[in-house]
Protein backbone atom coordinates (compact mmCIF):
# COMPACT_ATOMS: atom_id res chain seq x y z
CA MET A 1 4.63 65.67 -24.75
CA SER A 2 2.17 68.58 -24.54
CA LYS A 3 1.97 71.02 -21.67
CA ALA A 4 -0.43 70.95 -18.74
CA PHE A 5 -1.19 73.41 -15.96
CA LEU A 6 -2.46 72.99 -12.40
CA ILE A 7 -4.28 76.07 -11.10
CA LEU A 8 -5.15 76.15 -7.40
CA ALA A 9 -7.97 78.11 -5.81
CA ASP A 10 -5.46 80.53 -4.25
CA GLY A 11 -4.16 81.46 -7.71
CA THR A 12 -0.98 79.36 -7.61
CA VAL A 13 -0.02 77.84 -10.98
CA PHE A 14 2.17 74.77 -11.57
CA GLU A 15 3.34 74.12 -15.15
CA GLY A 16 4.13 70.57 -16.22
CA ASN A 17 3.49 67.97 -18.89
CA ALA A 18 0.20 66.36 -19.84
CA ILE A 19 -0.56 62.73 -18.99
CA GLY A 20 -3.75 60.78 -19.46
CA ALA A 21 -6.68 62.35 -21.27
CA THR A 22 -6.61 65.78 -22.86
CA GLY A 23 -9.02 68.33 -21.43
CA THR A 24 -9.90 70.25 -18.28
CA THR A 25 -10.97 68.96 -14.89
CA ILE A 26 -11.81 70.57 -11.53
CA GLY A 27 -11.73 68.81 -8.18
CA GLU A 28 -10.63 68.91 -4.56
CA THR A 29 -6.82 68.71 -4.60
CA VAL A 30 -5.42 66.24 -2.05
CA PHE A 31 -2.23 64.25 -1.53
CA THR A 32 -1.52 60.64 -0.60
CA THR A 33 1.80 59.46 0.85
CA GLY A 34 1.66 55.82 -0.25
CA MET A 35 4.91 54.51 -1.75
CA THR A 36 3.02 51.74 -3.54
CA GLY A 37 -0.60 50.90 -4.30
CA TYR A 38 -1.25 53.55 -6.94
CA LEU A 39 -3.72 51.24 -8.71
CA GLU A 40 -5.69 50.80 -5.51
CA THR A 41 -5.67 54.57 -5.05
CA LEU A 42 -6.95 55.26 -8.55
CA THR A 43 -9.76 52.69 -8.26
CA ASP A 44 -10.79 53.49 -4.66
CA PRO A 45 -14.29 55.09 -4.79
CA SER A 46 -13.39 57.13 -1.70
CA TYR A 47 -11.37 59.44 -4.00
CA TYR A 48 -14.48 60.47 -5.94
CA GLY A 49 -14.41 64.20 -6.72
CA GLN A 50 -10.72 64.62 -5.90
CA ILE A 51 -7.57 65.46 -7.84
CA VAL A 52 -5.01 63.14 -6.26
CA THR A 53 -1.33 63.99 -5.83
CA GLN A 54 1.11 61.12 -5.32
CA THR A 55 3.95 62.27 -3.04
CA PHE A 56 6.14 59.30 -4.03
CA PRO A 57 8.17 60.61 -7.00
CA LEU A 58 7.95 57.67 -9.44
CA ILE A 59 4.53 56.24 -10.33
CA GLY A 60 3.59 53.55 -12.84
CA ASN A 61 6.70 51.39 -12.52
CA TYR A 62 4.75 48.12 -12.29
CA GLY A 63 2.14 49.13 -14.84
CA VAL A 64 -1.56 48.28 -14.74
CA ILE A 65 -2.69 45.08 -13.02
CA PRO A 66 -6.49 44.66 -13.14
CA GLU A 67 -6.44 42.00 -10.39
CA ASP A 68 -5.35 44.72 -7.96
CA PHE A 69 -8.24 47.09 -8.68
CA GLU A 70 -10.56 48.04 -5.80
CA SER A 71 -13.46 48.73 -8.20
CA LYS A 72 -14.31 48.60 -11.88
CA LYS A 73 -12.72 51.91 -12.84
CA PRO A 74 -10.81 54.94 -11.53
CA TRP A 75 -12.86 57.52 -9.61
CA VAL A 76 -10.35 60.37 -9.26
CA ARG A 77 -11.15 63.69 -10.96
CA GLY A 78 -7.51 64.21 -11.90
CA TYR A 79 -4.05 62.79 -11.27
CA ILE A 80 -0.76 64.48 -10.34
CA VAL A 81 2.65 62.77 -10.27
CA ARG A 82 6.28 63.89 -10.31
CA GLU A 83 7.40 61.31 -12.85
CA LEU A 84 5.28 58.80 -14.78
CA CYS A 85 7.03 55.58 -15.80
CA ASP A 86 6.30 54.60 -19.41
CA GLU A 87 8.33 51.36 -19.34
CA PRO A 88 6.90 49.32 -16.44
CA SER A 89 8.49 46.06 -15.36
CA ASN A 90 6.39 43.42 -13.62
CA PHE A 91 5.42 39.88 -14.56
CA ARG A 92 1.74 40.73 -13.90
CA CYS A 93 1.77 43.96 -15.90
CA GLY A 94 -1.12 44.32 -18.33
CA GLY A 95 -0.40 47.77 -19.73
CA ILE A 96 1.03 51.19 -19.00
CA LEU A 97 -0.56 53.69 -16.66
CA ASP A 98 -0.78 56.52 -19.19
CA ASP A 99 -2.91 54.39 -21.51
CA PHE A 100 -5.14 53.43 -18.56
CA LEU A 101 -5.71 57.09 -17.70
CA LYS A 102 -6.50 57.92 -21.32
CA LYS A 103 -8.94 55.00 -21.61
CA HIS A 104 -10.93 56.22 -18.63
CA GLY A 105 -10.79 59.94 -19.42
CA ILE A 106 -8.63 60.90 -16.44
CA VAL A 107 -6.83 64.21 -16.99
CA GLY A 108 -3.40 64.37 -15.37
CA ILE A 109 -0.16 66.31 -15.06
CA CYS A 110 3.43 65.24 -14.40
CA GLY A 111 6.76 66.98 -14.08
CA ILE A 112 5.71 69.44 -11.38
CA ASP A 113 7.23 69.88 -7.93
CA THR A 114 4.87 67.60 -5.99
CA ARG A 115 6.86 68.26 -2.82
CA ALA A 116 6.10 71.99 -3.02
CA LEU A 117 2.45 71.26 -3.80
CA THR A 118 2.15 68.91 -0.82
CA LYS A 119 3.72 71.48 1.52
CA LYS A 120 1.24 74.09 0.28
CA LEU A 121 -1.74 71.77 0.92
CA ARG A 122 -0.42 70.92 4.40
CA GLU A 123 -0.05 74.58 5.30
CA ALA A 124 -3.14 76.04 3.62
CA GLY A 125 -5.36 72.96 3.77
CA VAL A 126 -7.14 71.06 1.03
CA MET A 127 -8.21 73.39 -1.77
CA ASN A 128 -9.92 73.09 -5.12
CA GLY A 129 -7.84 72.96 -8.26
CA MET A 130 -8.07 72.75 -12.03
CA ILE A 131 -5.88 70.77 -14.42
CA VAL A 132 -5.76 72.08 -17.99
CA SER A 133 -4.14 69.55 -20.30
CA GLY A 134 -3.16 69.94 -23.94
CA ASP A 135 -3.01 73.77 -24.11
CA GLU A 136 0.37 75.36 -24.76
CA THR A 137 -0.49 78.46 -22.74
CA CYS A 138 -2.02 78.76 -19.30
CA PRO A 139 -5.60 80.06 -19.14
CA ASN A 140 -6.23 83.47 -17.62
CA VAL A 141 -6.16 82.65 -13.92
CA ASP A 142 -8.52 85.43 -12.85
CA ALA A 143 -11.07 84.21 -15.37
CA VAL A 144 -11.21 80.65 -14.01
CA LEU A 145 -10.80 81.16 -10.25
CA ALA A 146 -14.50 81.64 -9.56
CA LYS A 147 -15.29 78.36 -11.31
CA ILE A 148 -12.55 76.55 -9.40
CA LYS A 149 -13.68 77.90 -6.03
CA SER A 150 -17.32 77.02 -6.64
CA TYR A 151 -16.70 73.29 -7.14
CA GLN A 152 -18.28 71.05 -4.48
CA ILE A 153 -18.43 67.30 -3.99
CA VAL A 154 -22.12 66.39 -3.68
CA ASP A 155 -24.10 63.12 -3.83
CA ALA A 156 -20.79 61.29 -3.53
CA VAL A 157 -22.07 57.96 -2.21
CA LYS A 158 -24.91 57.85 -4.73
CA SER A 159 -22.44 58.58 -7.54
CA VAL A 160 -20.13 55.61 -6.91
CA GLN A 161 -22.68 52.80 -6.79
CA ASP A 162 -22.05 49.53 -8.59
CA GLY A 163 -18.32 50.06 -8.62
CA ALA A 164 -17.08 46.83 -7.02
CA VAL A 165 -15.19 44.28 -9.08
CA ILE A 166 -14.65 40.90 -7.44
CA GLU A 167 -15.16 37.24 -8.11
CA HIS A 168 -16.94 35.55 -5.22
CA ALA A 169 -14.85 33.07 -3.32
CA GLU A 170 -15.92 29.49 -2.77
CA THR A 171 -17.63 29.14 0.62
CA THR A 172 -18.60 26.07 2.61
CA GLY A 173 -22.12 27.23 3.32
CA LYS A 174 -21.31 26.96 7.03
CA GLY A 175 -19.77 30.40 7.37
CA LYS A 176 -21.34 33.60 8.57
CA HIS A 177 -23.72 35.56 6.36
CA ILE A 178 -22.66 39.21 6.13
CA VAL A 179 -24.63 42.08 4.63
CA LEU A 180 -22.16 44.59 3.19
CA PHE A 181 -23.52 48.11 2.71
CA ASP A 182 -21.92 49.55 -0.42
CA PHE A 183 -21.14 53.21 0.22
CA GLY A 184 -18.29 52.98 -2.31
CA ALA A 185 -16.85 49.74 -0.98
CA LYS A 186 -13.30 48.67 -1.73
CA ALA A 187 -13.33 45.14 -3.12
CA ASN A 188 -10.80 43.96 -0.56
CA ILE A 189 -13.33 44.27 2.28
CA GLN A 190 -15.40 41.59 0.62
CA ARG A 191 -12.29 39.51 -0.09
CA GLU A 192 -11.27 39.57 3.59
CA LEU A 193 -14.73 38.40 4.68
CA GLU A 194 -14.82 35.64 2.09
CA LYS A 195 -11.33 34.49 3.13
CA ARG A 196 -12.92 33.75 6.50
CA GLY A 197 -15.64 31.61 4.95
CA CYS A 198 -18.34 34.27 4.98
CA THR A 199 -21.13 34.53 2.46
CA VAL A 200 -21.39 38.21 1.55
CA THR A 201 -24.55 39.92 0.30
CA VAL A 202 -23.73 43.38 -1.09
CA VAL A 203 -26.62 45.84 -0.80
CA PRO A 204 -26.93 49.42 -2.14
CA TYR A 205 -26.36 52.42 0.10
CA ASP A 206 -30.09 53.22 0.31
CA THR A 207 -31.26 49.78 1.46
CA LYS A 208 -33.82 50.03 4.27
CA ALA A 209 -33.16 48.59 7.71
CA GLU A 210 -36.19 46.35 7.38
CA GLU A 211 -34.84 44.87 4.15
CA VAL A 212 -31.51 44.12 5.83
CA ALA A 213 -33.21 42.47 8.82
CA ALA A 214 -35.29 40.34 6.43
CA LEU A 215 -32.05 38.87 5.04
CA ALA A 216 -31.32 37.52 8.56
CA PRO A 217 -27.57 38.20 8.44
CA ASP A 218 -25.12 37.21 11.16
CA GLY A 219 -23.42 40.58 10.83
CA ILE A 220 -23.45 43.92 9.01
CA MET A 221 -20.43 45.59 7.42
CA LEU A 222 -20.59 49.34 6.79
CA SER A 223 -18.09 50.11 4.03
CA ASN A 224 -15.80 52.97 3.18
CA GLY A 225 -16.91 55.62 0.70
CA PRO A 226 -16.45 59.22 -0.45
CA GLY A 227 -17.67 62.63 0.63
CA ASP A 228 -19.08 64.28 3.73
CA PRO A 229 -20.64 61.64 6.02
CA ALA A 230 -23.25 64.08 7.36
CA GLU A 231 -24.65 64.52 3.84
CA ASN A 232 -26.10 60.99 3.96
CA THR A 233 -29.07 61.66 6.22
CA GLY A 234 -31.22 58.85 4.82
CA VAL A 235 -28.48 56.27 5.31
CA ILE A 236 -27.83 57.48 8.85
CA THR A 237 -31.53 57.08 9.67
CA GLU A 238 -31.46 53.43 8.55
CA ILE A 239 -28.25 52.73 10.50
CA THR A 240 -29.95 54.23 13.56
CA LYS A 241 -32.81 51.75 13.15
CA LEU A 242 -30.37 48.84 12.92
CA CYS A 243 -28.61 50.05 16.07
CA ASP A 244 -31.91 50.47 17.93
CA ASN A 245 -32.76 46.90 16.94
CA GLY A 246 -29.47 45.79 18.51
CA THR A 247 -29.69 42.17 17.33
CA ILE A 248 -27.11 42.20 14.51
CA PRO A 249 -23.38 42.82 15.14
CA ILE A 250 -21.98 45.76 13.13
CA PHE A 251 -18.46 46.59 11.91
CA GLY A 252 -17.84 49.99 10.26
CA ILE A 253 -14.81 51.08 8.23
CA CYS A 254 -13.90 54.68 7.27
CA LEU A 255 -17.12 56.35 6.01
CA GLY A 256 -19.04 53.48 7.63
CA HIS A 257 -17.30 54.33 10.91
CA GLN A 258 -18.29 57.99 10.59
CA MET A 259 -21.93 57.33 9.71
CA LEU A 260 -22.27 54.79 12.52
CA ALA A 261 -21.01 57.47 14.92
CA LEU A 262 -23.49 60.00 13.53
CA ALA A 263 -26.28 57.44 13.93
CA ARG A 264 -25.36 57.11 17.61
CA GLY A 265 -25.42 60.85 18.24
CA ALA A 266 -21.80 61.87 17.65
CA LYS A 267 -20.58 64.67 15.36
CA THR A 268 -18.10 64.82 12.46
CA SER A 269 -15.99 67.64 11.06
CA LYS A 270 -13.68 68.21 8.09
CA LEU A 271 -9.94 67.87 8.59
CA LYS A 272 -7.51 70.50 7.34
CA TYR A 273 -5.86 68.24 4.77
CA GLY A 274 -7.07 64.75 5.68
CA HIS A 275 -5.23 61.47 6.15
CA ARG A 276 -4.25 59.66 2.96
CA GLY A 277 -1.48 57.11 2.61
CA GLY A 278 -0.10 53.91 4.08
CA ASN A 279 2.02 55.17 6.97
CA HIS A 280 -0.35 56.59 9.59
CA PRO A 281 0.34 55.54 13.21
CA VAL A 282 -2.64 54.78 15.44
CA LYS A 283 -2.66 53.75 19.08
CA ASP A 284 -4.88 51.07 20.59
CA LEU A 285 -6.03 52.72 23.82
CA GLU A 286 -6.76 49.39 25.49
CA THR A 287 -3.37 47.75 24.93
CA GLY A 288 -1.16 50.76 24.26
CA ARG A 289 0.14 49.12 21.09
CA VAL A 290 0.81 51.27 18.02
CA TYR A 291 -0.10 50.11 14.51
CA ILE A 292 0.85 51.54 11.13
CA THR A 293 -2.29 51.92 9.01
CA SER A 294 -3.59 52.77 5.57
CA GLN A 295 -5.99 55.71 5.52
CA ASN A 296 -8.03 57.76 3.07
CA HIS A 297 -10.43 60.27 4.56
CA GLY A 298 -11.05 63.99 4.86
CA TYR A 299 -13.47 63.94 7.82
CA ALA A 300 -13.23 62.67 11.39
CA VAL A 301 -15.51 61.92 14.32
CA GLN A 302 -15.23 64.68 16.93
CA THR A 303 -13.97 63.68 20.37
CA ASP A 304 -14.03 67.00 22.22
CA GLU A 305 -15.92 67.05 25.50
CA GLY A 306 -19.57 66.11 25.11
CA SER A 307 -19.38 65.18 21.43
CA LEU A 308 -19.31 61.41 21.95
CA PRO A 309 -22.40 59.76 23.47
CA PRO A 310 -21.96 57.78 26.72
CA CYS A 311 -22.28 54.48 24.83
CA ALA A 312 -19.28 55.27 22.60
CA LYS A 313 -15.85 54.29 23.90
CA LEU A 314 -12.86 55.71 22.04
CA SER A 315 -10.68 52.74 21.07
CA PHE A 316 -7.98 54.10 18.70
CA ILE A 317 -6.42 57.54 18.24
CA ASN A 318 -4.19 58.98 15.52
CA LEU A 319 -0.73 59.69 16.95
CA ASN A 320 -0.08 62.54 14.51
CA ASP A 321 -3.04 64.72 15.49
CA ASN A 322 -4.94 62.77 18.21
CA THR A 323 -8.08 62.47 16.08
CA CYS A 324 -10.53 59.60 16.51
CA GLU A 325 -9.48 56.36 14.78
CA GLY A 326 -11.89 53.91 16.35
CA ILE A 327 -14.95 53.50 18.56
CA THR A 328 -16.40 50.53 20.45
CA TYR A 329 -20.05 50.71 21.49
CA THR A 330 -20.91 49.40 24.95
CA ASP A 331 -24.69 49.03 24.57
CA ILE A 332 -24.83 47.12 21.27
CA PRO A 333 -22.52 44.64 19.49
CA ALA A 334 -20.78 47.18 17.26
CA PHE A 335 -17.36 48.72 16.67
CA SER A 336 -15.74 50.77 13.93
CA VAL A 337 -12.40 52.12 12.76
CA GLN A 338 -11.38 55.11 10.67
CA PHE A 339 -8.43 53.37 9.02
CA HIS A 340 -8.41 50.45 6.55
CA PRO A 341 -7.71 47.00 8.05
CA GLU A 342 -8.29 45.47 4.59
CA ALA A 343 -5.49 47.60 3.11
CA CYS A 344 -3.86 46.64 -0.18
CA GLY A 345 -1.02 47.02 -0.95
CA GLY A 346 -0.66 47.40 2.84
CA PRO A 347 0.18 47.68 5.65
CA HIS A 348 -1.69 44.68 7.05
CA ASP A 349 -1.02 45.33 10.76
CA THR A 350 -4.71 45.67 11.66
CA ASN A 351 -6.09 42.84 9.54
CA PHE A 352 -6.91 41.07 12.83
CA LEU A 353 -9.98 43.32 13.18
CA PHE A 354 -11.83 41.09 10.73
CA ASP A 355 -11.12 38.20 13.09
CA LYS A 356 -12.43 40.34 15.95
CA PHE A 357 -15.65 40.84 13.97
CA MET A 358 -15.92 37.07 13.48
CA SER A 359 -15.43 36.49 17.21
CA MET A 360 -18.01 39.16 18.06
CA MET A 361 -20.60 37.41 15.89
CA GLU A 362 -19.77 34.01 17.42
CA ALA A 363 -20.07 35.34 20.97
CA PHE A 364 -23.22 37.33 20.32
CA HIS A 365 -25.11 34.56 18.54
CA ALA A 366 -23.99 32.01 21.14
CA THR A 367 -25.98 33.91 23.75
CA LYS A 368 -29.18 34.04 21.72
C-alpha cells in the first residue's frame, strides 16, 4: 500500500496510507459522526466540495450496495478513514469500497489518527485540506499552503444537478402532486413522498416560480443541497415569489430550510465546524420532546434578536449549541427543518414530518 498525506491549512500534516484513486485533491475538511451509512454519506450531494472524515474507526465492512445510494455517484472531494475494510460481509454487497473510490476518482487516506483530526477541527473549526496520494514523500508544506487556503466552494447547487438515482414508485393517481426542487436532493426524500402515494415532479434548482405554479402542484418540497445558502440569490428570489403567492404548501429540508428562511427575510451564518452525523439531539419547542436526528450542514439560520421575521416561529432547536433546527411560518402554509427526516441509514425519529406535510396539504386544500 502506498503512502498518502493530509495537509491542513494550518500546516498540520498527517501521514497514512493511500486508498481510492491516486492523485491530489483539495477541499473543505469536515467530519461526520455516523456509525453507519457511509454509502449515503459518499453519495449525498450536500458533501460537494468537502473532504469527509469518518469518525467511526472501521468503514467499508458491508461493502458497496448501489440500492442505498442517495445519488448516482459520490460527491466528496476526498475521503478519510481510520481503517478501511477490504473483506466486506453482507448479503447485499456488490463490491468493495476501495474499488468504488477508485472507479469514481475519489482520492483518500487511511491509517491516520482520525480522533486527533476531529478534535483539531472541533477546536479550530472547519479548514481546508489537501490529500496527496501515491507519493512516498510529503510535498513541501510551505509551497502548497497558499493553494490550500485559497480553495473555495462556489456554484455548489449548480454543480450537483442531475444527481438523483431512483426508480419511481407505483402510485394510484389519487395521491398528492409534489414539485420537488432539486438543490442536490437526496433520493430518499422522493422515496418518502412516493411511499405516501404522492406523484413527484423533480424540477431543476433554477426553475421559475411561474413554471412551478403552472404545474398546479398540491405542495412544494425544497430539498437539501451543498454550499452557502446565501449564494443562491436567484433561487431565493423565486422562493420569495412562491411564498408571496401563498397558495401552495411548502416543506423545506436542510438547504431548502435555509433558503426558505432567507426568502422570508431571515439571515444565515456559517457554523464553526457544522453538524454532520446521525446522533444530533433536537428539541420540539411545542411539545418539549427530544428527537435524535441525522444532520449534514455547515450553515444555520440566525435566531438572535431581530434576525427572524415576525411570521417565523422557531419550532426546533439543537440541544448541543441551541442553533435553529426548524421554523413554522404563521402567515403561509409552510414549515422547514434543518435536520433530515428522510434519513438513511437513520435515525427515523422525525419521519413523521412527511405525514405532517401531507396533513398540511389536506387541510389547506380543504379550505379552498
